């Protein structure tokens, strides 16, 4: 099967390099275009630590959130640009995008809107109660995107 548009969902886990490497290998063999996506989690440092209710920071809380989001945005853009440069150096065209929030719906929407024919993402290996309460991005993506999905598993020790 040949792919032309590969959406690669990356987070900052150690598995991200493996996810990228798998997607890059497929893109090279298929002469496909890569779209790299990272979602900045809401529970990340963008919103924490919360200022105390009575501190001076409370007056500037929204400005603090905006500043932290800008820092995360810049770091994300630099990080994704580095991956695109690696792809370009190997003859693969690539671009990137980032969103804020839970990644499941963003991956689904981008896969549909960009007409991806493959989504590549990692799996943290949650199961049982952890998966039930925290959700499974990979499970959601498998059931809601209109294309093939490659899930890169965390290596077992």
Foldseek 3Di string as FASTA:
>chain_A
DAWAEEEEEAEPDPCRVVLLVVVLVRCLVRVHEYEYEYEAEPPPPLQPDPDDPPDPCVVVNVVSSVVSVVVVVVVVVVVVVVSQVVSVVSVHHYDYDYHYHDCQVVVQVCCVVVVGQEYTYEWPPDDDPCCVVVPTSQVSNCVRHPHYYHYDYDDDD
